[in-house]
């Protein structure tokens, strides 16, 4: 992780279970990392960028996400 100089592996979609590493805040549309792997993946891939959050909020309203 950047703040701790600790090496953390990224979430691997074929090996890891999404719900063990992430949660969705349905109010804000943001994805929350619940493990170190989830947190670093969100940060590195910019999963909560403004455009991603706006799109996710729409998908939530249309019941397309999660």
Protein backbone atom coordinates (compact mmCIF):
# COMPACT_ATOMS: atom_id res chain seq x y z
CA UNK A 1 0.00 0.00 0.00
CA UNK A 2 1.34 3.46 -0.85
CA UNK A 3 1.19 4.90 2.67
CA UNK A 4 2.77 1.94 4.40
CA UNK A 5 5.34 0.70 1.84
CA UNK A 6 3.74 -2.73 2.22
CA UNK A 7 3.40 -4.90 -0.86
CA UNK A 8 -0.19 -5.95 -1.54
CA UNK A 9 -1.51 -8.01 -4.41
CA UNK A 10 -4.31 -6.72 -6.61
CA UNK A 11 -7.74 -8.31 -6.68
CA UNK A 12 -7.70 -11.15 -9.23
CA UNK A 13 -11.18 -11.69 -10.72
CA UNK A 14 -10.53 -15.32 -11.64
CA UNK A 15 -9.09 -16.29 -8.29
CA UNK A 16 -10.72 -13.95 -5.76
CA UNK A 17 -14.35 -13.51 -4.76
CA UNK A 18 -15.55 -9.93 -5.38
CA UNK A 19 -17.75 -9.79 -2.27
CA UNK A 20 -14.80 -10.68 -0.03
CA UNK A 21 -12.86 -7.62 -1.15
CA UNK A 22 -15.45 -4.96 -2.07
CA UNK A 23 -18.77 -3.47 -1.04
CA UNK A 24 -20.91 -0.91 -2.85
CA UNK A 25 -22.34 2.17 -1.17
CA UNK A 26 -25.69 2.36 -2.99
CA UNK A 27 -26.21 5.97 -1.87
CA UNK A 28 -22.98 7.39 -3.24
CA UNK A 29 -22.27 4.83 -5.96
CA UNK A 30 -18.75 4.32 -4.64
CA UNK A 31 -17.02 0.97 -4.24
CA UNK A 32 -15.46 0.42 -0.82
CA UNK A 33 -12.46 -1.80 -0.29
CA UNK A 34 -12.85 -4.09 2.70
CA UNK A 35 -9.44 -5.74 2.38
CA UNK A 36 -6.00 -4.36 1.61
CA UNK A 37 -6.21 -5.98 -1.80
CA UNK A 38 -9.57 -4.36 -2.46
CA UNK A 39 -8.41 -0.93 -1.31
CA UNK A 40 -5.26 -0.92 -3.43
CA UNK A 41 -7.18 -2.18 -6.48
CA UNK A 42 -9.75 0.62 -6.14
CA UNK A 43 -7.05 3.23 -5.80
CA UNK A 44 -4.80 1.98 -8.60
CA UNK A 45 -7.61 1.39 -11.11
CA UNK A 46 -9.39 4.62 -10.11
CA UNK A 47 -12.63 2.71 -9.64
CA UNK A 48 -14.23 5.67 -7.87
CA UNK A 49 -13.33 8.33 -10.44
CA UNK A 50 -16.06 10.89 -11.06
CA UNK A 51 -17.10 9.30 -14.37
CA UNK A 52 -17.18 5.80 -12.89
CA UNK A 53 -19.31 6.91 -9.94
CA UNK A 54 -21.79 8.76 -12.18
CA UNK A 55 -22.14 5.69 -14.42
CA UNK A 56 -22.48 3.38 -11.42
CA UNK A 57 -25.20 5.59 -9.88
CA UNK A 58 -27.17 5.28 -13.13
CA UNK A 59 -26.67 1.51 -13.22
CA UNK A 60 -27.87 1.28 -9.60
CA UNK A 61 -31.01 3.30 -10.40
CA UNK A 62 -31.70 1.01 -13.39
CA UNK A 63 -31.09 -2.10 -11.22
CA UNK A 64 -28.16 -3.11 -13.42
CA UNK A 65 -25.56 -2.97 -10.64
CA UNK A 66 -24.52 -4.86 -8.62
